[in-house]
Amino acid sequence: MSNILPAYSLIYPYPNRSDAVTPIQDDDPAFEGNHEQPVGLTHTGTRFRTSFFAFPFETISPEEGRRQVMRQTTGWLSWLGGSTFSADSTLVAAGATVTYTLTIYNDGWQSIAATVSNPLPEMLAFVPGSLTPPEASYDNGAHRITWSKNLAVEEQAQMTYRATVSNTISTASLLACAILVTISSERLIPET
């Protein structure tokens, strides 16, 4: 599902009876326990995704951790769960320019209308003229990129832009992918 979530503690109000799980063909470990064995698995099928946790979800602590894991899980399970967001460099120096690429992919069984909202952190300055496709737009006042796109089944579309890292960053490097991108969708009702 993600390699960007931090480690979370599991707080049990009762004896811990959790165990490890063994992935089979096409399963991927999603969480690892203190014993360095998988305690959560994900599986991607031809037209579906599923996740399994070998621990009670409510034991994830703190509560904000539960919210993050749930957001990540439901996003991955959605029809746009195969979408990707990346930067051309993961560590950059102050003043450097980074190219970001978002690829949205509809792996559902019906056409959808996808909407992207990408607020840029204050430390990034959008590079004018770098945003593609032309349907995407940058709102200077909100410091946000938005984009809407109808996607047929199995269709993908890509958005790219460049941003320059502020020279006032106090650290020598910055994790370039630490940007929130929200992707949502609605099923398109075929006209009859």
N, C-alpha and C. Protein backbone atom coordinates (compact mmCIF):
# COMPACT_ATOMS: atom_id res chain seq x y z
N MET A 1 0.83 -1.19 0.00
CA MET A 1 0.00 0.00 0.00
C MET A 1 0.86 1.24 0.00
N SER A 2 1.88 1.26 0.83
CA SER A 2 2.69 2.46 0.93
C SER A 2 3.97 2.16 1.67
N ASN A 3 4.99 2.88 1.33
CA ASN A 3 6.23 2.78 2.10
C ASN A 3 6.52 4.11 2.80
N ILE A 4 5.50 4.96 2.90
CA ILE A 4 5.73 6.27 3.51
C ILE A 4 5.12 6.42 4.90
N LEU A 5 4.40 5.41 5.37
CA LEU A 5 3.82 5.51 6.71
C LEU A 5 4.89 5.21 7.75
N PRO A 6 4.87 5.93 8.87
CA PRO A 6 5.85 5.65 9.93
C PRO A 6 5.49 4.37 10.68
N ALA A 7 6.38 3.95 11.57
CA ALA A 7 6.09 2.80 12.43
C ALA A 7 5.07 3.22 13.48
N TYR A 8 4.12 2.35 13.76
CA TYR A 8 3.10 2.61 14.78
C TYR A 8 3.16 1.53 15.83
N SER A 9 2.86 1.91 17.06
CA SER A 9 2.74 0.94 18.14
C SER A 9 1.34 0.35 18.11
N LEU A 10 1.23 -0.88 18.59
CA LEU A 10 -0.07 -1.51 18.78
C LEU A 10 -0.31 -1.58 20.27
N ILE A 11 -1.38 -0.94 20.73
CA ILE A 11 -1.72 -0.91 22.15
C ILE A 11 -2.95 -1.80 22.35
N TYR A 12 -2.77 -2.89 23.09
CA TYR A 12 -3.85 -3.85 23.32
C TYR A 12 -4.50 -3.63 24.68
N PRO A 13 -5.84 -3.50 24.72
CA PRO A 13 -6.54 -3.41 26.01
C PRO A 13 -6.82 -4.81 26.57
N TYR A 14 -6.30 -5.84 25.93
CA TYR A 14 -6.50 -7.23 26.30
C TYR A 14 -5.25 -7.99 25.88
N PRO A 15 -5.09 -9.26 26.23
CA PRO A 15 -3.88 -9.99 25.85
C PRO A 15 -3.68 -10.01 24.33
N ASN A 16 -2.46 -9.82 23.91
CA ASN A 16 -2.11 -9.80 22.49
C ASN A 16 -2.10 -11.24 21.96
N ARG A 17 -3.04 -11.54 21.07
CA ARG A 17 -3.11 -12.87 20.46
C ARG A 17 -2.80 -12.79 18.96
N SER A 18 -2.21 -11.68 18.54
CA SER A 18 -1.88 -11.52 17.12
C SER A 18 -0.78 -12.49 16.73
N ASP A 19 -0.70 -12.74 15.46
CA ASP A 19 0.28 -13.68 14.94
C ASP A 19 0.83 -13.10 13.64
N ALA A 20 1.75 -13.79 13.05
CA ALA A 20 2.26 -13.41 11.75
C ALA A 20 1.43 -14.10 10.68
N VAL A 21 1.48 -13.58 9.47
CA VAL A 21 0.81 -14.20 8.34
C VAL A 21 1.85 -14.50 7.26
N THR A 22 1.60 -15.52 6.49
CA THR A 22 2.55 -15.92 5.44
C THR A 22 1.98 -15.56 4.09
N PRO A 23 2.67 -14.70 3.35
CA PRO A 23 2.17 -14.34 2.02
C PRO A 23 2.23 -15.56 1.08
N ILE A 24 1.24 -15.66 0.20
CA ILE A 24 1.29 -16.66 -0.85
C ILE A 24 1.49 -15.93 -2.16
N GLN A 25 1.43 -16.65 -3.24
CA GLN A 25 1.68 -16.07 -4.56
C GLN A 25 0.89 -14.78 -4.76
N ASP A 26 1.55 -13.75 -5.22
CA ASP A 26 0.98 -12.43 -5.54
C ASP A 26 0.55 -11.61 -4.33
N ASP A 27 0.82 -12.06 -3.11
CA ASP A 27 0.55 -11.25 -1.92
C ASP A 27 1.77 -10.41 -1.60
N ASP A 28 1.55 -9.25 -1.03
CA ASP A 28 2.64 -8.38 -0.62
C ASP A 28 2.49 -8.04 0.85
N PRO A 29 3.58 -8.13 1.63
CA PRO A 29 3.50 -7.69 3.03
C PRO A 29 3.21 -6.20 3.09
N ALA A 30 2.27 -5.81 3.95
CA ALA A 30 1.92 -4.40 4.11
C ALA A 30 2.40 -3.86 5.44
N PHE A 31 2.46 -4.70 6.46
CA PHE A 31 2.93 -4.31 7.78
C PHE A 31 3.83 -5.42 8.31
N GLU A 32 4.78 -5.02 9.13
CA GLU A 32 5.70 -5.97 9.73
C GLU A 32 5.68 -5.81 11.24
N GLY A 33 5.67 -6.92 11.96
CA GLY A 33 5.67 -6.88 13.42
C GLY A 33 7.07 -6.78 13.99
N ASN A 34 7.17 -6.66 15.31
CA ASN A 34 8.47 -6.59 15.97
C ASN A 34 9.30 -7.84 15.72
N HIS A 35 8.65 -8.95 15.40
CA HIS A 35 9.34 -10.20 15.13
C HIS A 35 9.83 -10.27 13.69
N GLU A 36 9.71 -9.16 12.96
CA GLU A 36 10.15 -9.02 11.57
C GLU A 36 9.44 -9.97 10.62
N GLN A 37 8.20 -10.31 10.97
CA GLN A 37 7.34 -11.14 10.13
C GLN A 37 6.14 -10.31 9.70
N PRO A 38 5.55 -10.60 8.53
CA PRO A 38 4.37 -9.84 8.08
C PRO A 38 3.20 -10.00 9.04
N VAL A 39 2.53 -8.89 9.35
CA VAL A 39 1.29 -8.91 10.14
C VAL A 39 0.14 -8.28 9.35
N GLY A 40 0.41 -7.91 8.12
CA GLY A 40 -0.60 -7.37 7.22
C GLY A 40 -0.21 -7.70 5.79
N LEU A 41 -1.19 -8.06 4.99
CA LEU A 41 -0.94 -8.42 3.59
C LEU A 41 -1.87 -7.64 2.67
N THR A 42 -1.41 -7.44 1.44
CA THR A 42 -2.27 -6.89 0.40
C THR A 42 -2.21 -7.83 -0.80
N HIS A 43 -3.25 -7.81 -1.58
CA HIS A 43 -3.31 -8.64 -2.78
C HIS A 43 -4.00 -7.84 -3.88
N THR A 44 -3.39 -7.84 -5.06
CA THR A 44 -3.98 -7.18 -6.22
C THR A 44 -4.36 -8.25 -7.23
N GLY A 45 -5.64 -8.35 -7.53
CA GLY A 45 -6.14 -9.29 -8.52
C GLY A 45 -6.37 -8.59 -9.85
N THR A 46 -7.01 -9.29 -10.76
CA THR A 46 -7.27 -8.73 -12.09
C THR A 46 -8.17 -7.50 -12.02
N ARG A 47 -9.20 -7.55 -11.22
CA ARG A 47 -10.14 -6.44 -11.11
C ARG A 47 -10.49 -6.11 -9.66
N PHE A 48 -9.57 -6.41 -8.73
CA PHE A 48 -9.86 -6.13 -7.33
C PHE A 48 -8.57 -5.99 -6.53
N ARG A 49 -8.70 -5.40 -5.37
CA ARG A 49 -7.62 -5.32 -4.39
C ARG A 49 -8.22 -5.69 -3.04
N THR A 50 -7.40 -6.25 -2.16
CA THR A 50 -7.86 -6.54 -0.81
C THR A 50 -6.68 -6.41 0.15
N SER A 51 -6.99 -6.16 1.40
CA SER A 51 -5.95 -6.09 2.43
C SER A 51 -6.42 -6.89 3.64
N PHE A 52 -5.46 -7.44 4.38
CA PHE A 52 -5.76 -8.24 5.56
C PHE A 52 -4.77 -7.88 6.65
N PHE A 53 -5.29 -7.62 7.85
CA PHE A 53 -4.44 -7.33 9.00
C PHE A 53 -4.58 -8.46 10.01
N ALA A 54 -3.47 -8.96 10.53
CA ALA A 54 -3.49 -10.03 11.53
C ALA A 54 -3.52 -9.46 12.94
N PHE A 55 -3.97 -8.23 13.06
CA PHE A 55 -4.07 -7.57 14.37
C PHE A 55 -5.34 -6.73 14.35
N PRO A 56 -5.91 -6.45 15.50
CA PRO A 56 -7.10 -5.59 15.52
C PRO A 56 -6.74 -4.17 15.13
N PHE A 57 -7.46 -3.63 14.16
CA PHE A 57 -7.17 -2.29 13.63
C PHE A 57 -7.17 -1.23 14.73
N GLU A 58 -8.07 -1.38 15.72
CA GLU A 58 -8.19 -0.37 16.77
C GLU A 58 -6.98 -0.32 17.70
N THR A 59 -6.04 -1.28 17.55
CA THR A 59 -4.85 -1.25 18.41
C THR A 59 -3.76 -0.33 17.87
N ILE A 60 -3.91 0.17 16.64
CA ILE A 60 -2.91 1.09 16.09
C ILE A 60 -2.94 2.37 16.91
N SER A 61 -1.77 2.76 17.40
CA SER A 61 -1.67 3.95 18.26
C SER A 61 -0.54 4.83 17.74
N PRO A 62 -0.75 6.14 17.76
CA PRO A 62 -1.86 6.92 18.30
C PRO A 62 -3.06 6.91 17.34
N GLU A 63 -4.14 7.56 17.77
CA GLU A 63 -5.36 7.61 16.96
C GLU A 63 -5.08 8.21 15.59
N GLU A 64 -4.22 9.22 15.52
CA GLU A 64 -3.88 9.82 14.23
C GLU A 64 -3.25 8.76 13.32
N GLY A 65 -2.52 7.82 13.90
CA GLY A 65 -1.95 6.72 13.12
C GLY A 65 -3.04 5.87 12.49
N ARG A 66 -4.11 5.58 13.24
CA ARG A 66 -5.23 4.83 12.69
C ARG A 66 -5.85 5.57 11.51
N ARG A 67 -6.01 6.89 11.67
CA ARG A 67 -6.59 7.68 10.57
C ARG A 67 -5.69 7.62 9.33
N GLN A 68 -4.37 7.74 9.53
CA GLN A 68 -3.45 7.69 8.38
C GLN A 68 -3.50 6.34 7.69
N VAL A 69 -3.48 5.27 8.47
CA VAL A 69 -3.53 3.92 7.89
C VAL A 69 -4.85 3.72 7.15
N MET A 70 -5.96 4.17 7.72
CA MET A 70 -7.26 4.01 7.06
C MET A 70 -7.31 4.81 5.76
N ARG A 71 -6.81 6.05 5.77
CA ARG A 71 -6.79 6.86 4.54
C ARG A 71 -5.96 6.16 3.46
N GLN A 72 -4.79 5.69 3.85
CA GLN A 72 -3.91 5.03 2.89
C GLN A 72 -4.55 3.75 2.35
N THR A 73 -5.17 2.98 3.23
CA THR A 73 -5.79 1.72 2.82
C THR A 73 -6.97 1.96 1.90
N THR A 74 -7.88 2.85 2.27
CA THR A 74 -9.05 3.09 1.42
C THR A 74 -8.64 3.71 0.09
N GLY A 75 -7.63 4.55 0.10
CA GLY A 75 -7.13 5.10 -1.17
C GLY A 75 -6.58 4.01 -2.07
N TRP A 76 -5.82 3.10 -1.49
CA TRP A 76 -5.23 2.00 -2.26
C TRP A 76 -6.32 1.07 -2.79
N LEU A 77 -7.38 0.87 -2.01
CA LEU A 77 -8.46 -0.02 -2.42
C LEU A 77 -9.36 0.60 -3.49
N SER A 78 -9.32 1.92 -3.67
CA SER A 78 -10.21 2.58 -4.63
C SER A 78 -9.82 2.26 -6.06
N TRP A 79 -10.69 2.66 -6.98
CA TRP A 79 -10.41 2.45 -8.40
C TRP A 79 -9.20 3.24 -8.89
N LEU A 80 -8.79 4.22 -8.16
CA LEU A 80 -7.59 4.99 -8.52
C LEU A 80 -6.39 4.56 -7.67
N GLY A 81 -6.51 3.44 -6.98
CA GLY A 81 -5.47 2.98 -6.07
C GLY A 81 -4.15 2.63 -6.74
N GLY A 82 -4.16 2.38 -8.04
CA GLY A 82 -2.93 2.09 -8.76
C GLY A 82 -2.24 3.35 -9.27
N SER A 83 -2.75 4.51 -8.90
CA SER A 83 -2.14 5.78 -9.32
C SER A 83 -0.82 5.98 -8.59
N THR A 84 0.07 6.75 -9.22
CA THR A 84 1.38 7.00 -8.61
C THR A 84 1.71 8.48 -8.63
N PHE A 85 2.51 8.90 -7.67
CA PHE A 85 3.02 10.27 -7.60
C PHE A 85 4.50 10.17 -7.28
N SER A 86 5.33 10.82 -8.09
CA SER A 86 6.77 10.70 -7.88
C SER A 86 7.49 12.00 -8.22
N ALA A 87 8.72 12.08 -7.74
CA ALA A 87 9.60 13.21 -8.04
C ALA A 87 10.83 12.66 -8.75
N ASP A 88 11.45 13.50 -9.60
CA ASP A 88 12.62 13.01 -10.33
C ASP A 88 13.85 12.88 -9.43
N SER A 89 13.75 13.38 -8.20
CA SER A 89 14.83 13.25 -7.24
C SER A 89 14.20 13.15 -5.85
N THR A 90 14.69 12.25 -5.01
CA THR A 90 14.09 12.11 -3.69
C THR A 90 14.72 13.04 -2.66
N LEU A 91 15.97 13.38 -2.82
CA LEU A 91 16.63 14.35 -1.94
C LEU A 91 17.15 15.49 -2.78
N VAL A 92 16.81 16.71 -2.39
CA VAL A 92 17.23 17.88 -3.17
C VAL A 92 17.78 18.95 -2.24
N ALA A 93 18.63 19.79 -2.80
CA ALA A 93 19.21 20.91 -2.04
C ALA A 93 18.31 22.13 -2.17
N ALA A 94 18.47 23.06 -1.24
CA ALA A 94 17.75 24.34 -1.32
C ALA A 94 18.07 25.01 -2.65
N GLY A 95 17.05 25.56 -3.31
CA GLY A 95 17.24 26.23 -4.59
C GLY A 95 17.12 25.31 -5.79
N ALA A 96 17.05 24.01 -5.58
CA ALA A 96 16.95 23.06 -6.70
C ALA A 96 15.53 23.02 -7.24
N THR A 97 15.41 22.61 -8.50
CA THR A 97 14.10 22.45 -9.12
C THR A 97 13.81 20.97 -9.28
N VAL A 98 12.60 20.59 -8.92
CA VAL A 98 12.18 19.19 -8.94
C VAL A 98 11.01 19.03 -9.91
N THR A 99 11.00 17.95 -10.68
CA THR A 99 9.88 17.64 -11.55
C THR A 99 9.03 16.57 -10.88
N TYR A 100 7.74 16.86 -10.74
CA TYR A 100 6.79 15.94 -10.12
C TYR A 100 5.90 15.35 -11.21
N THR A 101 5.58 14.07 -11.09
CA THR A 101 4.73 13.38 -12.06
C THR A 101 3.65 12.61 -11.31
N LEU A 102 2.40 12.86 -11.68
CA LEU A 102 1.27 12.14 -11.13
C LEU A 102 0.64 11.36 -12.28
N THR A 103 0.52 10.05 -12.12
CA THR A 103 -0.15 9.22 -13.11
C THR A 103 -1.39 8.64 -12.44
N ILE A 104 -2.56 9.01 -12.97
CA ILE A 104 -3.80 8.45 -12.43
C ILE A 104 -4.23 7.31 -13.34
N TYR A 105 -4.73 6.25 -12.72
CA TYR A 105 -5.08 5.04 -13.45
C TYR A 105 -6.40 4.50 -12.95
N ASN A 106 -7.37 4.33 -13.84
CA ASN A 106 -8.67 3.76 -13.48
C ASN A 106 -8.63 2.26 -13.70
N ASP A 107 -8.50 1.51 -12.60
CA ASP A 107 -8.52 0.06 -12.72
C ASP A 107 -9.86 -0.51 -12.27
N GLY A 108 -10.88 0.34 -12.24
CA GLY A 108 -12.24 -0.12 -11.92
C GLY A 108 -12.92 -0.69 -13.15
N TRP A 109 -14.19 -1.05 -13.01
CA TRP A 109 -14.92 -1.65 -14.11
C TRP A 109 -15.91 -0.69 -14.76
N GLN A 110 -15.77 0.61 -14.47
CA GLN A 110 -16.66 1.61 -15.04
C GLN A 110 -15.89 2.90 -15.22
N SER A 111 -16.31 3.73 -16.18
CA SER A 111 -15.68 5.04 -16.37
C SER A 111 -15.88 5.91 -15.14
N ILE A 112 -14.90 6.76 -14.86
CA ILE A 112 -14.98 7.64 -13.69
C ILE A 112 -14.54 9.06 -14.06
N ALA A 113 -14.94 10.01 -13.23
CA ALA A 113 -14.46 11.38 -13.31
C ALA A 113 -13.49 11.55 -12.15
N ALA A 114 -12.21 11.70 -12.45
CA ALA A 114 -11.19 11.84 -11.42
C ALA A 114 -10.90 13.32 -11.18
N THR A 115 -10.71 13.68 -9.94
CA THR A 115 -10.37 15.05 -9.56
C THR A 115 -9.12 15.01 -8.71
N VAL A 116 -8.15 15.87 -9.04
CA VAL A 116 -6.88 15.94 -8.32
C VAL A 116 -6.77 17.29 -7.65
N SER A 117 -6.35 17.30 -6.39
CA SER A 117 -6.04 18.52 -5.66
C SER A 117 -4.66 18.36 -5.06
N ASN A 118 -3.74 19.21 -5.46
CA ASN A 118 -2.34 19.10 -5.05
C ASN A 118 -1.85 20.42 -4.47
N PRO A 119 -2.09 20.65 -3.15
CA PRO A 119 -1.55 21.87 -2.54
C PRO A 119 -0.04 21.76 -2.39
N LEU A 120 0.66 22.80 -2.78
CA LEU A 120 2.12 22.78 -2.67
C LEU A 120 2.54 23.33 -1.31
N PRO A 121 3.51 22.70 -0.67
CA PRO A 121 4.03 23.24 0.59
C PRO A 121 4.64 24.62 0.36
N GLU A 122 4.65 25.44 1.40
CA GLU A 122 5.19 26.80 1.26
C GLU A 122 6.64 26.82 0.81
N MET A 123 7.37 25.74 1.08
CA MET A 123 8.79 25.69 0.71
C MET A 123 9.02 25.48 -0.78
N LEU A 124 7.92 25.24 -1.55
CA LEU A 124 8.05 25.02 -2.99
C LEU A 124 7.43 26.18 -3.76
N ALA A 125 8.14 26.62 -4.78
CA ALA A 125 7.63 27.67 -5.67
C ALA A 125 7.33 27.03 -7.02
N PHE A 126 6.07 27.11 -7.44
CA PHE A 126 5.65 26.55 -8.73
C PHE A 126 6.40 27.25 -9.85
N VAL A 127 6.86 26.48 -10.85
CA VAL A 127 7.54 27.04 -12.02
C VAL A 127 6.50 27.29 -13.10
N PRO A 128 6.18 28.57 -13.39
CA PRO A 128 5.16 28.89 -14.40
C PRO A 128 5.49 28.25 -15.75
N GLY A 129 4.45 27.77 -16.43
CA GLY A 129 4.63 27.17 -17.75
C GLY A 129 5.05 25.70 -17.72
N SER A 130 5.24 25.13 -16.53
CA SER A 130 5.73 23.75 -16.46
C SER A 130 4.61 22.72 -16.31
N LEU A 131 3.38 23.17 -16.14
CA LEU A 131 2.27 22.27 -15.84
C LEU A 131 1.65 21.71 -17.11
N THR A 132 1.59 20.39 -17.19
CA THR A 132 0.89 19.70 -18.27
C THR A 132 0.02 18.63 -17.64
N PRO A 133 -1.11 18.31 -18.23
CA PRO A 133 -1.69 18.75 -19.49
C PRO A 133 -2.30 20.14 -19.34
N PRO A 134 -2.73 20.73 -20.46
CA PRO A 134 -3.29 22.09 -20.41
C PRO A 134 -4.57 22.21 -19.58
N GLU A 135 -5.28 21.09 -19.36
CA GLU A 135 -6.52 21.13 -18.57
C GLU A 135 -6.24 21.34 -17.08
N ALA A 136 -5.02 21.04 -16.64
CA ALA A 136 -4.65 21.25 -15.24
C ALA A 136 -4.40 22.73 -15.02
N SER A 137 -4.61 23.20 -13.80
CA SER A 137 -4.41 24.63 -13.54
C SER A 137 -3.74 24.84 -12.19
N TYR A 138 -3.05 25.96 -12.09
CA TYR A 138 -2.38 26.34 -10.85
C TYR A 138 -3.03 27.61 -10.32
N ASP A 139 -3.47 27.61 -9.07
CA ASP A 139 -4.05 28.77 -8.40
C ASP A 139 -2.98 29.37 -7.52
N ASN A 140 -2.45 30.51 -7.93
CA ASN A 140 -1.34 31.16 -7.21
C ASN A 140 -1.74 31.56 -5.79
N GLY A 141 -2.98 32.06 -5.62
CA GLY A 141 -3.44 32.48 -4.30
C GLY A 141 -3.55 31.32 -3.32
N ALA A 142 -4.07 30.18 -3.78
CA ALA A 142 -4.22 29.00 -2.93
C ALA A 142 -2.97 28.13 -2.93
N HIS A 143 -2.03 28.41 -3.84
CA HIS A 143 -0.79 27.64 -3.98
C HIS A 143 -1.14 26.16 -4.20
N ARG A 144 -2.07 25.93 -5.16
CA ARG A 144 -2.65 24.60 -5.36
C ARG A 144 -2.81 24.30 -6.85
N ILE A 145 -2.53 23.07 -7.21
CA ILE A 145 -2.76 22.57 -8.56
C ILE A 145 -4.03 21.73 -8.53
N THR A 146 -4.91 21.94 -9.50
CA THR A 146 -6.11 21.12 -9.62
C THR A 146 -6.22 20.59 -11.04
N TRP A 147 -6.90 19.47 -11.14
CA TRP A 147 -7.03 18.81 -12.44
C TRP A 147 -8.20 17.87 -12.38
N SER A 148 -9.03 17.88 -13.39
CA SER A 148 -10.14 16.93 -13.51
C SER A 148 -10.02 16.21 -14.84
N LYS A 149 -10.31 14.92 -14.80
CA LYS A 149 -10.16 14.12 -16.02
C LYS A 149 -11.12 12.94 -15.97
N ASN A 150 -11.88 12.75 -17.05
CA ASN A 150 -12.70 11.54 -17.18
C ASN A 150 -11.81 10.41 -17.67
N LEU A 151 -11.92 9.27 -17.02
CA LEU A 151 -11.10 8.12 -17.39
C LEU A 151 -11.98 6.92 -17.70
N ALA A 152 -11.76 6.32 -18.85
CA ALA A 152 -12.44 5.08 -19.19
C ALA A 152 -11.80 3.94 -18.41
N VAL A 153 -12.40 2.79 -18.44
CA VAL A 153 -11.84 1.61 -17.78
C VAL A 153 -10.44 1.34 -18.35
N GLU A 154 -9.49 1.09 -17.45
CA GLU A 154 -8.09 0.79 -17.80
C GLU A 154 -7.35 1.98 -18.42
N GLU A 155 -7.93 3.17 -18.39
CA GLU A 155 -7.26 4.34 -18.96
C GLU A 155 -6.40 4.99 -17.88
N GLN A 156 -5.28 5.56 -18.32
CA GLN A 156 -4.44 6.33 -17.41
C GLN A 156 -4.16 7.69 -18.04
N ALA A 157 -3.84 8.65 -17.20
CA ALA A 157 -3.49 9.99 -17.66
C ALA A 157 -2.39 10.52 -16.75
N GLN A 158 -1.62 11.45 -17.27
CA GLN A 158 -0.46 11.93 -16.52
C GLN A 158 -0.43 13.45 -16.43
N MET A 159 0.00 13.93 -15.27
CA MET A 159 0.18 15.35 -15.03
C MET A 159 1.62 15.54 -14.53
N THR A 160 2.30 16.56 -15.06
CA THR A 160 3.65 16.87 -14.56
C THR A 160 3.76 18.37 -14.32
N TYR A 161 4.64 18.72 -13.39
CA TYR A 161 4.97 20.13 -13.15
C TYR A 161 6.32 20.20 -12.47
N ARG A 162 6.88 21.40 -12.46
CA ARG A 162 8.16 21.62 -11.77
C ARG A 162 7.96 22.64 -10.67
N ALA A 163 8.74 22.48 -9.62
CA ALA A 163 8.71 23.42 -8.50
C ALA A 163 10.14 23.59 -7.99
N THR A 164 10.43 24.80 -7.53
CA THR A 164 11.76 25.11 -7.00
C THR A 164 11.70 25.18 -5.49
N VAL A 165 12.67 24.53 -4.85
CA VAL A 165 12.76 24.50 -3.40
C VAL A 165 13.29 25.84 -2.90
N SER A 166 12.66 26.37 -1.87
CA SER A 166 13.05 27.66 -1.30
C SER A 166 14.51 27.67 -0.87
N ASN A 167 15.17 28.81 -1.05
CA ASN A 167 16.55 28.97 -0.58
C ASN A 167 16.62 29.17 0.92
N THR A 168 15.47 29.39 1.56
CA THR A 168 15.47 29.64 3.01
C THR A 168 15.30 28.37 3.83
N ILE A 169 15.30 27.21 3.16
CA ILE A 169 15.21 25.94 3.89
C ILE A 169 16.46 25.82 4.76
N SER A 170 16.26 25.52 6.05
CA SER A 170 17.39 25.48 6.97
C SER A 170 18.19 24.20 6.89
N THR A 171 17.60 23.13 6.38
CA THR A 171 18.35 21.88 6.27
C THR A 171 18.99 21.77 4.90
N ALA A 172 19.98 20.94 4.79
CA ALA A 172 20.72 20.82 3.54
C ALA A 172 19.96 20.05 2.48
N SER A 173 19.01 19.24 2.89
CA SER A 173 18.25 18.47 1.91
C SER A 173 16.80 18.37 2.33
N LEU A 174 15.98 17.97 1.39
CA LEU A 174 14.54 17.91 1.60
C LEU A 174 14.01 16.66 0.93
N LEU A 175 13.12 15.97 1.59
CA LEU A 175 12.47 14.83 0.96
C LEU A 175 11.48 15.38 -0.06
N ALA A 176 11.77 15.22 -1.33
CA ALA A 176 11.02 15.88 -2.39
C ALA A 176 9.60 15.36 -2.55
N CYS A 177 9.30 14.16 -2.11
CA CYS A 177 7.95 13.59 -2.32
C CYS A 177 7.02 13.85 -1.15
N ALA A 178 7.41 14.65 -0.19
CA ALA A 178 6.57 14.90 0.98
C ALA A 178 5.48 15.92 0.65
N ILE A 179 4.63 15.57 -0.28
CA ILE A 179 3.57 16.44 -0.75
C ILE A 179 2.26 15.67 -0.70
N LEU A 180 1.21 16.32 -0.24
CA LEU A 180 -0.11 15.71 -0.17
C LEU A 180 -0.80 15.87 -1.51
N VAL A 181 -1.25 14.76 -2.08
CA VAL A 181 -2.05 14.79 -3.30
C VAL A 181 -3.34 14.06 -2.99
N THR A 182 -4.46 14.72 -3.23
CA THR A 182 -5.76 14.09 -3.02
C THR A 182 -6.37 13.77 -4.38
N ILE A 183 -6.73 12.51 -4.56
CA ILE A 183 -7.37 12.09 -5.80
C ILE A 183 -8.72 11.50 -5.43
N SER A 184 -9.76 11.99 -6.04
CA SER A 184 -11.09 11.44 -5.77
C SER A 184 -11.75 11.11 -7.10
N SER A 185 -12.81 10.33 -7.02
CA SER A 185 -13.49 9.97 -8.27
C SER A 185 -14.99 9.79 -8.03
N GLU A 186 -15.72 9.93 -9.10
CA GLU A 186 -17.16 9.63 -9.14
C GLU A 186 -17.39 8.77 -10.36
N ARG A 187 -18.27 7.79 -10.23
CA ARG A 187 -18.60 6.97 -11.37
C ARG A 187 -19.42 7.79 -12.36
N LEU A 188 -19.12 7.62 -13.60
CA LEU A 188 -19.87 8.31 -14.64
C LEU A 188 -21.08 7.46 -15.03
N ILE A 189 -22.24 8.04 -15.01
CA ILE A 189 -23.47 7.35 -15.39
C ILE A 189 -23.59 7.44 -16.91
N PRO A 190 -23.60 6.30 -17.59
CA PRO A 190 -23.73 6.37 -19.05
C PRO A 190 -25.06 6.99 -19.45
N GLU A 191 -25.00 7.79 -20.50
CA GLU A 191 -26.22 8.40 -21.01
C GLU A 191 -27.07 7.33 -21.69
N THR A 192 -28.37 7.39 -21.46
CA THR A 192 -29.26 6.37 -22.05
C THR A 192 -30.12 6.97 -23.13
